[in-house]
Amino acid sequence: MEENKFTLFGRNLEKVPCFKKTFTVSIYSGIAAGLGCFLFTSRVKRSADVAVLSFAATTLAFWTYCRYNWSKEYQLTQKMNTSLHNVMLSEGKEKSTNNE
């Protein structure tokens, strides 16, 4: 049985880093801003506009922040993997030359 995947333009969005967290935070901030604006002004249209703008601004800001941190962490992980691989190769050569 095939699983239902959340795809957009053929890309599985569940595997995109920061996607779920960004949209969860953005939806909650849009709802909170819209309800807060409605409680203070009692204007439905303005509250809806504030909610949509808050959602859009939070999405852009949080996505940028999250992807920047993910990219830094990914690069650091790649450097560490490369260094560890080089250490493993050099230790293997030293042991083989010492045994001879």
PDB file of N, CA and C in Angstrom:
ATOM      1  N   MET A   1       0.846  -1.175   0.000  1.00  0.00           N
ATOM      2  CA  MET A   1       0.000   0.000   0.000  1.00  0.00           C
ATOM      3  C   MET A   1       0.896   1.245   0.000  1.00  0.00           C
ATOM      4  N   GLU A   2       0.598   2.195  -0.840  1.00  0.00           N
ATOM      5  CA  GLU A   2       1.404   3.406  -0.960  1.00  0.00           C
ATOM      6  C   GLU A   2       0.938   4.453   0.051  1.00  0.00           C
ATOM      7  N   GLU A   3       1.916   5.100   0.695  1.00  0.00           N
ATOM      8  CA  GLU A   3       1.608   6.139   1.673  1.00  0.00           C
ATOM      9  C   GLU A   3       1.216   7.427   0.968  1.00  0.00           C
ATOM     10  N   ASN A   4       0.352   8.193   1.614  1.00  0.00           N
ATOM     11  CA  ASN A   4       0.016   9.512   1.092  1.00  0.00           C
ATOM     12  C   ASN A   4       1.141  10.467   1.474  1.00  0.00           C
ATOM     13  N   LYS A   5       1.728  11.097   0.480  1.00  0.00           N
ATOM     14  CA  LYS A   5       2.823  12.020   0.717  1.00  0.00           C
ATOM     15  C   LYS A   5       2.348  13.432   0.421  1.00  0.00           C
ATOM     16  N   PHE A   6       2.858  14.368   1.202  1.00  0.00           N
ATOM     17  CA  PHE A   6       2.540  15.774   0.997  1.00  0.00           C
ATOM     18  C   PHE A   6       3.537  16.328  -0.002  1.00  0.00           C
ATOM     19  N   THR A   7       3.122  16.411  -1.281  1.00  0.00           N
ATOM     20  CA  THR A   7       4.049  16.821  -2.337  1.00  0.00           C
ATOM     21  C   THR A   7       3.583  18.120  -2.972  1.00  0.00           C
ATOM     22  N   LEU A   8       4.552  18.871  -3.462  1.00  0.00           N
ATOM     23  CA  LEU A   8       4.295  20.095  -4.203  1.00  0.00           C
ATOM     24  C   LEU A   8       5.306  20.137  -5.336  1.00  0.00           C
ATOM     25  N   PHE A   9       4.829  20.206  -6.570  1.00  0.00           N
ATOM     26  CA  PHE A   9       5.674  20.176  -7.767  1.00  0.00           C
ATOM     27  C   PHE A   9       6.568  18.943  -7.775  1.00  0.00           C
ATOM     28  N   GLY A  10       6.059  17.807  -7.317  1.00  0.00           N
ATOM     29  CA  GLY A  10       6.802  16.559  -7.348  1.00  0.00           C
ATOM     30  C   GLY A  10       7.818  16.387  -6.236  1.00  0.00           C
ATOM     31  N   ARG A  11       7.863  17.307  -5.277  1.00  0.00           N
ATOM     32  CA  ARG A  11       8.835  17.219  -4.187  1.00  0.00           C
ATOM     33  C   ARG A  11       8.112  16.901  -2.886  1.00  0.00           C
ATOM     34  N   ASN A  12       8.629  15.912  -2.158  1.00  0.00           N
ATOM     35  CA  ASN A  12       8.046  15.535  -0.887  1.00  0.00           C
ATOM     36  C   ASN A  12       8.417  16.587   0.158  1.00  0.00           C
ATOM     37  N   LEU A  13       7.436  17.355   0.606  1.00  0.00           N
ATOM     38  CA  LEU A  13       7.708  18.463   1.524  1.00  0.00           C
ATOM     39  C   LEU A  13       8.030  18.003   2.939  1.00  0.00           C
ATOM     40  N   GLU A  14       7.723  16.759   3.256  1.00  0.00           N
ATOM     41  CA  GLU A  14       8.046  16.237   4.585  1.00  0.00           C
ATOM     42  C   GLU A  14       9.544  16.097   4.781  1.00  0.00           C
ATOM     43  N   LYS A  15      10.291  16.001   3.691  1.00  0.00           N
ATOM     44  CA  LYS A  15      11.736  15.818   3.787  1.00  0.00           C
ATOM     45  C   LYS A  15      12.520  17.126   3.665  1.00  0.00           C
ATOM     46  N   VAL A  16      11.828  18.234   3.479  1.00  0.00           N
ATOM     47  CA  VAL A  16      12.492  19.543   3.385  1.00  0.00           C
ATOM     48  C   VAL A  16      12.802  20.014   4.799  1.00  0.00           C
ATOM     49  N   PRO A  17      14.075  20.329   5.088  1.00  0.00           N
ATOM     50  CA  PRO A  17      14.415  20.799   6.427  1.00  0.00           C
ATOM     51  C   PRO A  17      13.681  22.101   6.760  1.00  0.00           C
ATOM     52  N   CYS A  18      13.210  22.214   7.975  1.00  0.00           N
ATOM     53  CA  CYS A  18      12.558  23.418   8.521  1.00  0.00           C
ATOM     54  C   CYS A  18      11.125  23.620   8.035  1.00  0.00           C
ATOM     55  N   PHE A  19      10.598  22.794   7.161  1.00  0.00           N
ATOM     56  CA  PHE A  19       9.271  23.045   6.603  1.00  0.00           C
ATOM     57  C   PHE A  19       8.179  22.963   7.665  1.00  0.00           C
ATOM     58  N   LYS A  20       8.135  21.872   8.390  1.00  0.00           N
ATOM     59  CA  LYS A  20       7.057  21.658   9.353  1.00  0.00           C
ATOM     60  C   LYS A  20       7.097  22.683  10.480  1.00  0.00           C
ATOM     61  N   LYS A  21       8.277  22.911  11.023  1.00  0.00           N
ATOM     62  CA  LYS A  21       8.409  23.848  12.135  1.00  0.00           C
ATOM     63  C   LYS A  21       8.057  25.268  11.702  1.00  0.00           C
ATOM     64  N   THR A  22       8.497  25.662  10.518  1.00  0.00           N
ATOM     65  CA  THR A  22       8.226  27.010  10.025  1.00  0.00           C
ATOM     66  C   THR A  22       6.734  27.253   9.866  1.00  0.00           C
ATOM     67  N   PHE A  23       6.044  26.328   9.237  1.00  0.00           N
ATOM     68  CA  PHE A  23       4.629  26.547   9.007  1.00  0.00           C
ATOM     69  C   PHE A  23       3.798  26.393  10.273  1.00  0.00           C
ATOM     70  N   THR A  24       4.229  25.575  11.200  1.00  0.00           N
ATOM     71  CA  THR A  24       3.523  25.478  12.477  1.00  0.00           C
ATOM     72  C   THR A  24       3.613  26.798  13.230  1.00  0.00           C
ATOM     73  N   VAL A  25       4.808  27.345  13.336  1.00  0.00           N
ATOM     74  CA  VAL A  25       4.997  28.622  14.029  1.00  0.00           C
ATOM     75  C   VAL A  25       4.240  29.733  13.304  1.00  0.00           C
ATOM     76  N   SER A  26       4.284  29.741  11.986  1.00  0.00           N
ATOM     77  CA  SER A  26       3.625  30.790  11.210  1.00  0.00           C
ATOM     78  C   SER A  26       2.109  30.752  11.349  1.00  0.00           C
ATOM     79  N   ILE A  27       1.540  29.575  11.322  1.00  0.00           N
ATOM     80  CA  ILE A  27       0.083  29.450  11.461  1.00  0.00           C
ATOM     81  C   ILE A  27      -0.359  29.936  12.833  1.00  0.00           C
ATOM     82  N   TYR A  28       0.361  29.522  13.869  1.00  0.00           N
ATOM     83  CA  TYR A  28      -0.003  29.958  15.217  1.00  0.00           C
ATOM     84  C   TYR A  28       0.149  31.465  15.384  1.00  0.00           C
ATOM     85  N   SER A  29       1.201  32.041  14.811  1.00  0.00           N
ATOM     86  CA  SER A  29       1.378  33.495  14.940  1.00  0.00           C
ATOM     87  C   SER A  29       0.301  34.247  14.158  1.00  0.00           C
ATOM     88  N   GLY A  30      -0.099  33.741  13.006  1.00  0.00           N
ATOM     89  CA  GLY A  30      -1.171  34.378  12.246  1.00  0.00           C
ATOM     90  C   GLY A  30      -2.497  34.338  12.978  1.00  0.00           C
ATOM     91  N   ILE A  31      -2.799  33.201  13.574  1.00  0.00           N
ATOM     92  CA  ILE A  31      -4.041  33.076  14.341  1.00  0.00           C
ATOM     93  C   ILE A  31      -4.022  34.012  15.544  1.00  0.00           C
ATOM     94  N   ALA A  32      -2.905  34.035  16.262  1.00  0.00           N
ATOM     95  CA  ALA A  32      -2.797  34.886  17.452  1.00  0.00           C
ATOM     96  C   ALA A  32      -2.898  36.365  17.077  1.00  0.00           C
ATOM     97  N   ALA A  33      -2.214  36.773  16.014  1.00  0.00           N
ATOM     98  CA  ALA A  33      -2.268  38.176  15.597  1.00  0.00           C
ATOM     99  C   ALA A  33      -3.671  38.560  15.129  1.00  0.00           C
ATOM    100  N   GLY A  34      -4.321  37.683  14.380  1.00  0.00           N
ATOM    101  CA  GLY A  34      -5.674  37.965  13.904  1.00  0.00           C
ATOM    102  C   GLY A  34      -6.669  38.063  15.044  1.00  0.00           C
ATOM    103  N   LEU A  35      -6.602  37.128  15.972  1.00  0.00           N
ATOM    104  CA  LEU A  35      -7.516  37.182  17.116  1.00  0.00           C
ATOM    105  C   LEU A  35      -7.231  38.386  18.010  1.00  0.00           C
ATOM    106  N   GLY A  36      -5.945  38.663  18.217  1.00  0.00           N
ATOM    107  CA  GLY A  36      -5.593  39.828  19.032  1.00  0.00           C
ATOM    108  C   GLY A  36      -6.090  41.118  18.422  1.00  0.00           C
ATOM    109  N   CYS A  37      -5.919  41.256  17.120  1.00  0.00           N
ATOM    110  CA  CYS A  37      -6.389  42.454  16.429  1.00  0.00           C
ATOM    111  C   CYS A  37      -7.915  42.552  16.497  1.00  0.00           C
ATOM    112  N   PHE A  38      -8.588  41.425  16.344  1.00  0.00           N
ATOM    113  CA  PHE A  38     -10.054  41.444  16.410  1.00  0.00           C
ATOM    114  C   PHE A  38     -10.545  41.832  17.799  1.00  0.00           C
ATOM    115  N   LEU A  39      -9.862  41.343  18.834  1.00  0.00           N
ATOM    116  CA  LEU A  39     -10.280  41.676  20.195  1.00  0.00           C
ATOM    117  C   LEU A  39     -10.103  43.168  20.488  1.00  0.00           C
ATOM    118  N   PHE A  40      -9.088  43.789  19.907  1.00  0.00           N
ATOM    119  CA  PHE A  40      -8.854  45.209  20.158  1.00  0.00           C
ATOM    120  C   PHE A  40      -9.674  46.129  19.256  1.00  0.00           C
ATOM    121  N   THR A  41      -9.912  45.729  17.997  1.00  0.00           N
ATOM    122  CA  THR A  41     -10.561  46.637  17.052  1.00  0.00           C
ATOM    123  C   THR A  41     -11.983  46.229  16.666  1.00  0.00           C
ATOM    124  N   SER A  42     -12.324  44.971  16.783  1.00  0.00           N
ATOM    125  CA  SER A  42     -13.621  44.421  16.360  1.00  0.00           C
ATOM    126  C   SER A  42     -13.890  44.624  14.867  1.00  0.00           C
ATOM    127  N   ARG A  43     -12.838  44.698  14.081  1.00  0.00           N
ATOM    128  CA  ARG A  43     -12.963  44.809  12.629  1.00  0.00           C
ATOM    129  C   ARG A  43     -12.505  43.494  12.003  1.00  0.00           C
ATOM    130  N   VAL A  44     -13.427  42.839  11.332  1.00  0.00           N
ATOM    131  CA  VAL A  44     -13.154  41.516  10.796  1.00  0.00           C
ATOM    132  C   VAL A  44     -12.153  41.578   9.642  1.00  0.00           C
ATOM    133  N   LYS A  45     -12.370  42.490   8.691  1.00  0.00           N
ATOM    134  CA  LYS A  45     -11.485  42.561   7.527  1.00  0.00           C
ATOM    135  C   LYS A  45     -10.063  42.925   7.934  1.00  0.00           C
ATOM    136  N   ARG A  46      -9.917  43.910   8.790  1.00  0.00           N
ATOM    137  CA  ARG A  46      -8.580  44.300   9.227  1.00  0.00           C
ATOM    138  C   ARG A  46      -7.909  43.152   9.994  1.00  0.00           C
ATOM    139  N   SER A  47      -8.674  42.443  10.803  1.00  0.00           N
ATOM    140  CA  SER A  47      -8.117  41.315  11.547  1.00  0.00           C
ATOM    141  C   SER A  47      -7.646  40.209  10.614  1.00  0.00           C
ATOM    142  N   ALA A  48      -8.414  39.957   9.564  1.00  0.00           N
ATOM    143  CA  ALA A  48      -8.001  38.949   8.590  1.00  0.00           C
ATOM    144  C   ALA A  48      -6.744  39.400   7.852  1.00  0.00           C
ATOM    145  N   ASP A  49      -6.674  40.677   7.503  1.00  0.00           N
ATOM    146  CA  ASP A  49      -5.477  41.200   6.844  1.00  0.00           C
ATOM    147  C   ASP A  49      -4.252  41.089   7.752  1.00  0.00           C
ATOM    148  N   VAL A  50      -4.422  41.418   9.021  1.00  0.00           N
ATOM    149  CA  VAL A  50      -3.315  41.322   9.985  1.00  0.00           C
ATOM    150  C   VAL A  50      -2.876  39.869  10.137  1.00  0.00           C
ATOM    151  N   ALA A  51      -3.831  38.949  10.167  1.00  0.00           N
ATOM    152  CA  ALA A  51      -3.499  37.532  10.310  1.00  0.00           C
ATOM    153  C   ALA A  51      -2.697  37.036   9.109  1.00  0.00           C
ATOM    154  N   VAL A  52      -3.116  37.404   7.907  1.00  0.00           N
ATOM    155  CA  VAL A  52      -2.407  36.964   6.700  1.00  0.00           C
ATOM    156  C   VAL A  52      -1.025  37.595   6.624  1.00  0.00           C
ATOM    157  N   LEU A  53      -0.916  38.872   6.916  1.00  0.00           N
ATOM    158  CA  LEU A  53       0.384  39.537   6.889  1.00  0.00           C
ATOM    159  C   LEU A  53       1.317  38.974   7.962  1.00  0.00           C
ATOM    160  N   SER A  54       0.763  38.692   9.126  1.00  0.00           N
ATOM    161  CA  SER A  54       1.577  38.107  10.193  1.00  0.00           C
ATOM    162  C   SER A  54       2.068  36.718   9.788  1.00  0.00           C
ATOM    163  N   PHE A  55       1.191  35.936   9.177  1.00  0.00           N
ATOM    164  CA  PHE A  55       1.579  34.606   8.703  1.00  0.00           C
ATOM    165  C   PHE A  55       2.705  34.711   7.674  1.00  0.00           C
ATOM    166  N   ALA A  56       2.552  35.623   6.710  1.00  0.00           N
ATOM    167  CA  ALA A  56       3.551  35.760   5.646  1.00  0.00           C
ATOM    168  C   ALA A  56       4.890  36.246   6.201  1.00  0.00           C
ATOM    169  N   ALA A  57       4.853  37.253   7.058  1.00  0.00           N
ATOM    170  CA  ALA A  57       6.092  37.795   7.615  1.00  0.00           C
ATOM    171  C   ALA A  57       6.803  36.767   8.493  1.00  0.00           C
ATOM    172  N   THR A  58       6.044  36.053   9.303  1.00  0.00           N
ATOM    173  CA  THR A  58       6.637  35.040  10.177  1.00  0.00           C
ATOM    174  C   THR A  58       7.215  33.894   9.359  1.00  0.00           C
ATOM    175  N   THR A  59       6.519  33.500   8.306  1.00  0.00           N
ATOM    176  CA  THR A  59       7.023  32.428   7.450  1.00  0.00           C
ATOM    177  C   THR A  59       8.363  32.814   6.835  1.00  0.00           C
ATOM    178  N   LEU A  60       8.437  34.001   6.261  1.00  0.00           N
ATOM    179  CA  LEU A  60       9.686  34.433   5.628  1.00  0.00           C
ATOM    180  C   LEU A  60      10.818  34.572   6.646  1.00  0.00           C
ATOM    181  N   ALA A  61      10.533  35.190   7.772  1.00  0.00           N
ATOM    182  CA  ALA A  61      11.573  35.413   8.776  1.00  0.00           C
ATOM    183  C   ALA A  61      12.041  34.100   9.399  1.00  0.00           C
ATOM    184  N   PHE A  62      11.111  33.250   9.799  1.00  0.00           N
ATOM    185  CA  PHE A  62      11.484  32.010  10.470  1.00  0.00           C
ATOM    186  C   PHE A  62      12.143  31.038   9.503  1.00  0.00           C
ATOM    187  N   TRP A  63      11.682  30.994   8.251  1.00  0.00           N
ATOM    188  CA  TRP A  63      12.288  30.116   7.248  1.00  0.00           C
ATOM    189  C   TRP A  63      13.744  30.515   7.020  1.00  0.00           C
ATOM    190  N   THR A  64      13.986  31.823   6.883  1.00  0.00           N
ATOM    191  CA  THR A  64      15.347  32.312   6.678  1.00  0.00           C
ATOM    192  C   THR A  64      16.238  31.963   7.866  1.00  0.00           C
ATOM    193  N   TYR A  65      15.750  32.218   9.071  1.00  0.00           N
ATOM    194  CA  TYR A  65      16.501  31.928  10.288  1.00  0.00           C
ATOM    195  C   TYR A  65      16.796  30.426  10.417  1.00  0.00           C
ATOM    196  N   CYS A  66      15.778  29.612  10.211  1.00  0.00           N
ATOM    197  CA  CYS A  66      15.935  28.158  10.373  1.00  0.00           C
ATOM    198  C   CYS A  66      16.873  27.585   9.315  1.00  0.00           C
ATOM    199  N   ARG A  67      16.725  28.001   8.064  1.00  0.00           N
ATOM    200  CA  ARG A  67      17.593  27.471   7.010  1.00  0.00           C
ATOM    201  C   ARG A  67      19.041  27.910   7.185  1.00  0.00           C
ATOM    202  N   TYR A  68      19.252  29.136   7.675  1.00  0.00           N
ATOM    203  CA  TYR A  68      20.609  29.606   7.930  1.00  0.00           C
ATOM    204  C   TYR A  68      21.267  28.732   9.001  1.00  0.00           C
ATOM    205  N   ASN A  69      20.553  28.495  10.095  1.00  0.00           N
ATOM    206  CA  ASN A  69      21.106  27.644  11.156  1.00  0.00           C
ATOM    207  C   ASN A  69      21.298  26.214  10.682  1.00  0.00           C
ATOM    208  N   TRP A  70      20.369  25.699   9.889  1.00  0.00           N
ATOM    209  CA  TRP A  70      20.497  24.334   9.367  1.00  0.00           C
ATOM    210  C   TRP A  70      21.714  24.236   8.448  1.00  0.00           C
ATOM    211  N   SER A  71      21.909  25.256   7.625  1.00  0.00           N
ATOM    212  CA  SER A  71      23.042  25.255   6.706  1.00  0.00           C
ATOM    213  C   SER A  71      24.367  25.281   7.466  1.00  0.00           C
ATOM    214  N   LYS A  72      24.459  26.115   8.500  1.00  0.00           N
ATOM    215  CA  LYS A  72      25.677  26.163   9.310  1.00  0.00           C
ATOM    216  C   LYS A  72      25.950  24.814   9.963  1.00  0.00           C
ATOM    217  N   GLU A  73      24.912  24.210  10.516  1.00  0.00           N
ATOM    218  CA  GLU A  73      25.059  22.908  11.170  1.00  0.00           C
ATOM    219  C   GLU A  73      25.438  21.828  10.162  1.00  0.00           C
ATOM    220  N   TYR A  74      24.856  21.872   8.967  1.00  0.00           N
ATOM    221  CA  TYR A  74      25.156  20.890   7.934  1.00  0.00           C
ATOM    222  C   TYR A  74      26.608  20.998   7.483  1.00  0.00           C
ATOM    223  N   GLN A  75      27.085  22.232   7.291  1.00  0.00           N
ATOM    224  CA  GLN A  75      28.478  22.424   6.888  1.00  0.00           C
ATOM    225  C   GLN A  75      29.438  21.940   7.969  1.00  0.00           C
ATOM    226  N   LEU A  76      29.122  22.212   9.223  1.00  0.00           N
ATOM    227  CA  LEU A  76      29.952  21.753  10.331  1.00  0.00           C
ATOM    228  C   LEU A  76      29.974  20.223  10.389  1.00  0.00           C
ATOM    229  N   THR A  77      28.824  19.609  10.171  1.00  0.00           N
ATOM    230  CA  THR A  77      28.749  18.153  10.165  1.00  0.00           C
ATOM    231  C   THR A  77      29.580  17.568   9.038  1.00  0.00           C
ATOM    232  N   GLN A  78      29.530  18.196   7.858  1.00  0.00           N
ATOM    233  CA  GLN A  78      30.326  17.716   6.737  1.00  0.00           C
ATOM    234  C   GLN A  78      31.819  17.836   7.012  1.00  0.00           C
ATOM    235  N   LYS A  79      32.238  18.948   7.622  1.00  0.00           N
ATOM    236  CA  LYS A  79      33.646  19.108   7.981  1.00  0.00           C
ATOM    237  C   LYS A  79      34.084  18.054   8.981  1.00  0.00           C
ATOM    238  N   MET A  80      33.240  17.791   9.972  1.00  0.00           N
ATOM    239  CA  MET A  80      33.577  16.790  10.984  1.00  0.00           C
ATOM    240  C   MET A  80      33.651  15.394  10.373  1.00  0.00           C
ATOM    241  N   ASN A  81      32.724  15.079   9.471  1.00  0.00           N
ATOM    242  CA  ASN A  81      32.755  13.776   8.807  1.00  0.00           C
ATOM    243  C   ASN A  81      34.023  13.615   7.970  1.00  0.00           C
ATOM    244  N   THR A  82      34.406  14.668   7.261  1.00  0.00           N
ATOM    245  CA  THR A  82      35.621  14.623   6.454  1.00  0.00           C
ATOM    246  C   THR A  82      36.850  14.456   7.337  1.00  0.00           C
ATOM    247  N   SER A  83      36.908  15.216   8.417  1.00  0.00           N
ATOM    248  CA  SER A  83      38.048  15.111   9.335  1.00  0.00           C
ATOM    249  C   SER A  83      38.130  13.726   9.960  1.00  0.00           C
ATOM    250  N   LEU A  84      36.990  13.198  10.383  1.00  0.00           N
ATOM    251  CA  LEU A  84      36.965  11.861  10.975  1.00  0.00           C
ATOM    252  C   LEU A  84      37.396  10.815   9.963  1.00  0.00           C
ATOM    253  N   HIS A  85      36.950  10.953   8.742  1.00  0.00           N
ATOM    254  CA  HIS A  85      37.338  10.020   7.690  1.00  0.00           C
ATOM    255  C   HIS A  85      38.853  10.072   7.459  1.00  0.00           C
ATOM    256  N   ASN A  86      39.415  11.293   7.406  1.00  0.00           N
ATOM    257  CA  ASN A  86      40.859  11.442   7.213  1.00  0.00           C
ATOM    258  C   ASN A  86      41.645  10.852   8.384  1.00  0.00           C
ATOM    259  N   VAL A  87      41.165  11.036   9.604  1.00  0.00           N
ATOM    260  CA  VAL A  87      41.836  10.467  10.782  1.00  0.00           C
ATOM    261  C   VAL A  87      41.796   8.942  10.720  1.00  0.00           C
ATOM    262  N   MET A  88      40.653   8.404  10.337  1.00  0.00           N
ATOM    263  CA  MET A  88      40.537   6.946  10.251  1.00  0.00           C
ATOM    264  C   MET A  88      41.487   6.397   9.199  1.00  0.00           C
ATOM    265  N   LEU A  89      41.618   7.085   8.063  1.00  0.00           N
ATOM    266  CA  LEU A  89      42.527   6.629   7.018  1.00  0.00           C
ATOM    267  C   LEU A  89      43.983   6.710   7.471  1.00  0.00           C
ATOM    268  N   SER A  90      44.335   7.807   8.135  1.00  0.00           N
ATOM    269  CA  SER A  90      45.728   7.963   8.569  1.00  0.00           C
ATOM    270  C   SER A  90      46.076   6.976   9.673  1.00  0.00           C
ATOM    271  N   GLU A  91      45.179   6.674  10.583  1.00  0.00           N
ATOM    272  CA  GLU A  91      45.456   5.689  11.633  1.00  0.00           C
ATOM    273  C   GLU A  91      45.595   4.293  11.044  1.00  0.00           C
ATOM    274  N   GLY A  92      44.827   4.010  10.024  1.00  0.00           N
ATOM    275  CA  GLY A  92      44.938   2.708   9.374  1.00  0.00           C
ATOM    276  C   GLY A  92      46.286   2.525   8.712  1.00  0.00           C
ATOM    277  N   LYS A  93      46.827   3.579   8.107  1.00  0.00           N
ATOM    278  CA  LYS A  93      48.152   3.505   7.470  1.00  0.00           C
ATOM    279  C   LYS A  93      49.248   3.347   8.494  1.00  0.00           C
ATOM    280  N   GLU A  94      49.143   4.079   9.624  1.00  0.00           N
ATOM    281  CA  GLU A  94      50.177   3.993  10.661  1.00  0.00           C
ATOM    282  C   GLU A  94      50.246   2.600  11.253  1.00  0.00           C
ATOM    283  N   LYS A  95      49.117   1.983  11.508  1.00  0.00           N
ATOM    284  CA  LYS A  95      49.103   0.652  12.111  1.00  0.00           C
ATOM    285  C   LYS A  95      49.653  -0.388  11.143  1.00  0.00           C
ATOM    286  N   SER A  96      49.346  -0.233   9.855  1.00  0.00           N
ATOM    287  CA  SER A  96      49.815  -1.230   8.900  1.00  0.00           C
ATOM    288  C   SER A  96      51.340  -1.101   8.693  1.00  0.00           C
ATOM    289  N   THR A  97      51.899   0.096   8.769  1.00  0.00           N
ATOM    290  CA  THR A  97      53.352   0.263   8.609  1.00  0.00           C
ATOM    291  C   THR A  97      54.087  -0.143   9.873  1.00  0.00           C
ATOM    292  N   ASN A  98      53.485   0.006  11.040  1.00  0.00           N
ATOM    293  CA  ASN A  98      54.137  -0.392  12.302  1.00  0.00           C
ATOM    294  C   ASN A  98      54.181  -1.910  12.461  1.00  0.00           C
ATOM    295  N   ASN A  99      53.223  -2.607  11.910  1.00  0.00           N
ATOM    296  CA  ASN A  99      53.172  -4.067  12.041  1.00  0.00           C
ATOM    297  C   ASN A  99      54.200  -4.752  11.153  1.00  0.00           C
ATOM    298  N   GLU A 100      54.688  -4.115  10.136  1.00  0.00           N
ATOM    299  CA  GLU A 100      55.611  -4.761   9.192  1.00  0.00           C
ATOM    300  C   GLU A 100      56.987  -4.826   9.690  1.00  0.00           C
TER     301      GLU A 100
END
